[in-house]
Protein backbone atom coordinates (compact mmCIF):
# COMPACT_ATOMS: atom_id res chain seq x y z
CA MET A 1 159.63 -201.28 85.07
CA LYS A 2 160.51 -199.73 88.39
CA LEU A 3 161.47 -202.38 90.92
CA PRO A 4 161.21 -202.06 94.71
CA ILE A 5 164.50 -201.42 96.46
CA VAL A 6 165.33 -203.68 99.39
CA ALA A 7 165.81 -201.82 102.67
CA TYR A 8 168.54 -202.11 105.27
CA GLY A 9 168.20 -205.27 107.35
CA ASP A 10 167.23 -207.65 104.55
CA PRO A 11 169.59 -210.67 104.55
CA VAL A 12 170.14 -210.42 100.76
CA LEU A 13 172.18 -207.25 101.39
CA LYS A 14 174.65 -209.23 103.51
CA LYS A 15 175.16 -212.16 101.08
CA ILE A 16 178.16 -212.50 98.83
CA ALA A 17 176.56 -212.55 95.39
CA THR A 18 177.15 -215.31 92.84
CA ASP A 19 178.43 -215.07 89.28
CA ILE A 20 175.98 -215.33 86.41
CA ASN A 21 176.44 -216.52 82.82
CA GLN A 22 175.18 -215.34 79.44
CA ASP A 23 172.11 -217.55 79.80
CA TYR A 24 170.79 -215.61 82.79
CA PRO A 25 167.07 -215.19 81.99
CA ASP A 26 166.00 -211.80 80.58
CA LEU A 27 169.27 -210.12 81.59
CA ASN A 28 168.82 -207.17 79.21
CA VAL A 29 165.32 -206.53 80.58
CA LEU A 30 166.69 -206.72 84.14
CA ILE A 31 169.43 -204.20 83.30
CA GLU A 32 166.88 -201.82 81.73
CA ASN A 33 164.64 -202.17 84.79
CA MET A 34 167.58 -201.50 87.09
CA PHE A 35 168.44 -198.27 85.26
CA GLU A 36 164.79 -197.17 85.35
CA THR A 37 164.63 -197.97 89.08
CA MET A 38 167.89 -196.15 89.81
CA TYR A 39 166.88 -193.02 87.89
CA ALA A 40 163.43 -192.95 89.53
CA ALA A 41 165.15 -193.01 92.93
CA SER A 42 167.72 -190.35 91.89
CA GLY A 43 170.62 -192.73 92.41
CA VAL A 44 174.00 -192.98 90.71
CA GLY A 45 174.36 -196.73 91.17
CA LEU A 46 172.31 -199.82 91.88
CA ALA A 47 173.37 -203.39 92.61
CA ALA A 48 171.25 -206.49 92.03
CA PRO A 49 171.16 -207.36 95.77
CA GLN A 50 169.38 -204.03 96.30
CA ILE A 51 166.45 -205.37 94.27
CA GLY A 52 166.59 -208.74 96.03
CA LEU A 53 168.81 -210.68 93.58
CA PRO A 54 172.03 -212.13 95.03
CA ILE A 55 173.90 -211.97 91.71
CA ARG A 56 177.11 -210.17 90.70
CA LEU A 57 175.53 -207.37 88.68
CA PHE A 58 175.54 -203.64 89.24
CA ILE A 59 175.03 -200.51 87.20
CA VAL A 60 176.38 -196.98 87.56
CA ASP A 61 175.70 -193.62 86.01
CA ALA A 62 178.03 -191.03 87.55
CA THR A 63 176.95 -188.29 85.13
CA PRO A 64 175.48 -186.18 88.00
CA PHE A 65 179.08 -185.69 89.22
CA ASP A 66 180.28 -184.22 85.91
CA ASP A 67 180.33 -180.70 87.39
CA ASP A 68 183.08 -181.89 89.74
CA GLU A 69 184.77 -184.21 87.26
CA PRO A 70 183.94 -183.35 83.59
CA GLU A 71 185.17 -186.77 82.39
CA LEU A 72 182.09 -188.28 84.07
CA SER A 73 179.81 -186.75 81.46
CA ASN A 74 177.90 -189.79 80.10
CA PHE A 75 179.67 -192.18 82.50
CA LYS A 76 177.10 -194.98 82.36
CA LYS A 77 178.22 -198.61 82.75
CA VAL A 78 177.05 -202.14 83.47
CA PHE A 79 179.27 -204.44 85.56
CA ILE A 80 178.69 -208.20 85.42
CA ASN A 81 180.78 -210.61 87.55
CA ALA A 82 183.05 -207.73 88.55
CA ARG A 83 186.22 -208.20 90.57
CA ILE A 84 188.27 -205.34 91.97
CA LEU A 85 191.83 -206.39 91.25
CA GLU A 86 193.60 -203.49 92.89
CA GLU A 87 192.91 -200.40 94.99
CA THR A 88 195.65 -197.78 95.22
CA GLY A 89 196.36 -194.29 96.50
CA GLU A 90 195.86 -192.39 99.71
CA PRO A 91 192.36 -193.05 101.14
CA TRP A 92 189.99 -190.06 101.03
CA LYS A 93 186.67 -189.42 102.69
CA PHE A 94 183.46 -188.62 100.87
CA ASN A 95 179.92 -188.34 102.15
CA GLU A 96 178.02 -191.40 100.87
CA GLY A 97 174.40 -192.46 100.92
CA CYS A 98 172.56 -195.54 99.70
CA LEU A 99 169.13 -196.16 98.19
CA SER A 100 168.72 -199.12 100.60
CA ILE A 101 169.46 -196.86 103.57
CA PRO A 102 167.48 -193.68 102.88
CA ASP A 103 168.10 -190.52 104.90
CA VAL A 104 171.46 -191.76 106.18
CA ARG A 105 174.70 -190.25 104.92
CA GLU A 106 178.16 -190.77 106.35
CA ASP A 107 181.77 -189.99 105.46
CA VAL A 108 183.39 -193.13 104.08
CA SER A 109 187.09 -193.54 103.41
CA ARG A 110 188.09 -195.28 100.16
CA LYS A 111 191.18 -195.43 97.97
CA PRO A 112 191.00 -193.11 94.93
CA GLU A 113 192.10 -195.52 92.17
CA ILE A 114 190.94 -199.02 91.30
CA ARG A 115 191.52 -201.66 88.64
CA VAL A 116 188.43 -203.74 87.81
CA SER A 117 187.78 -206.83 85.73
CA TYR A 118 184.18 -207.25 84.56
CA TYR A 119 181.87 -208.14 81.71
CA ASP A 120 179.79 -205.40 80.14
CA GLU A 121 176.19 -205.83 78.96
CA ASN A 122 177.47 -207.33 75.66
CA TRP A 123 179.51 -209.94 77.57
CA GLU A 124 182.78 -208.35 76.54
CA LEU A 125 185.47 -208.93 79.16
CA LYS A 126 187.02 -205.63 80.28
CA GLU A 127 189.83 -204.70 82.59
CA GLU A 128 189.89 -201.00 83.33
CA ASN A 129 191.26 -198.42 85.72
CA PHE A 130 188.97 -195.88 87.33
CA LYS A 131 189.75 -192.94 89.61
CA GLY A 132 188.06 -190.28 91.66
CA LEU A 133 184.29 -190.27 91.95
CA ALA A 134 183.91 -192.98 89.29
CA ALA A 135 186.08 -195.28 91.42
CA ARG A 136 184.09 -194.39 94.52
CA VAL A 137 180.70 -195.15 92.95
CA ILE A 138 182.03 -198.45 91.60
CA GLN A 139 183.53 -199.39 95.00
CA HIS A 140 180.22 -198.61 96.73
CA GLU A 141 178.24 -200.81 94.31
CA TYR A 142 180.94 -203.50 94.37
CA ASP A 143 180.57 -203.66 98.15
CA HIS A 144 176.91 -204.59 97.61
CA ILE A 145 177.84 -207.70 95.61
CA GLU A 146 180.33 -208.58 98.36
CA GLY A 147 177.63 -208.40 101.05
CA LYS A 148 178.82 -205.08 102.48
CA LEU A 149 177.09 -201.75 103.06
CA PHE A 150 178.69 -198.35 103.48
CA THR A 151 177.65 -198.48 107.13
CA ASP A 152 180.08 -201.41 107.50
CA ARG A 153 182.88 -198.96 106.66
CA ILE A 154 182.17 -196.39 109.36
CA SER A 155 183.37 -196.40 112.95
CA LEU A 156 181.64 -198.56 115.53
CA LEU A 157 180.75 -195.39 117.43
CA ARG A 158 178.99 -193.85 114.38
CA LYS A 159 177.22 -197.13 113.64
CA THR A 160 176.04 -197.36 117.26
CA MET A 161 174.74 -193.78 117.03
CA LEU A 162 172.78 -194.76 113.89
CA LYS A 163 171.38 -198.00 115.35
CA ASN A 164 167.85 -196.73 116.05
CA LYS A 165 167.59 -194.99 112.69
CA LEU A 166 168.76 -198.15 110.87
CA GLU A 167 166.24 -200.28 112.79
CA SER A 168 163.49 -197.80 111.88
CA ILE A 169 164.42 -198.08 108.20
CA SER A 170 164.21 -201.87 108.31
CA LYS A 171 160.72 -201.52 109.85
CA GLY A 172 159.56 -199.16 107.11
CA ALA A 173 159.52 -196.04 109.28
CA VAL A 174 160.98 -193.84 106.53
CA LYS A 175 159.45 -191.79 103.73
CA VAL A 176 160.92 -192.14 100.26
CA ALA A 177 159.77 -191.20 96.78
CA TYR A 178 160.41 -194.70 95.43
CA LYS A 179 159.13 -198.21 96.07
CA MET A 180 160.87 -200.17 98.81
CA LYS A 181 160.63 -203.59 100.47
CA PHE A 182 161.20 -203.61 104.20
CA PRO A 183 162.47 -206.78 105.91
CA SER A 184 160.51 -206.29 109.11
CA LEU A 185 157.26 -205.93 107.15
CA LYS A 186 157.55 -209.24 105.28
CA LYS A 187 154.54 -211.42 105.87
CA LYS A 188 155.21 -214.04 108.46
CA ARG A 189 153.97 -217.51 107.58
């Protein structure tokens, strides 16, 4: 089932997400729905806060980048209760976008190598190193479970220049080919 993606401005995107356990209700269905939602929106990653759930869960499928990095062919993973243990290397810029912030792309600087501890969808504890675009996609989604957006990683000047566009997104003044929930359109009670 395709789920609506929460737009910029919703408080859930700024919350530090909480750990979950193996008893989390219908986790496998949630993961399937997240992949379906991400693919329908042509994304390469999706974090639970982006569908309104403040939990430490995100998914990635970096396969679209396999032309640039062939090792990303079939790079599809689930990250539960992830923690980035280490980030190393010389920071590099890459033009990033986000399903919660449609039509906005900015150069973001991140370190090229990371070490991550996480549980996979079978609740197997993993500790792995990732580099290049895989590391970047993971860092972007990890930021979501830490209450950060890629716009928090750009200069104050760039963010100021984007202010009106970001406010428009939160009000629903954007056209996308996928379902979204806009914070400024929530029914007031």
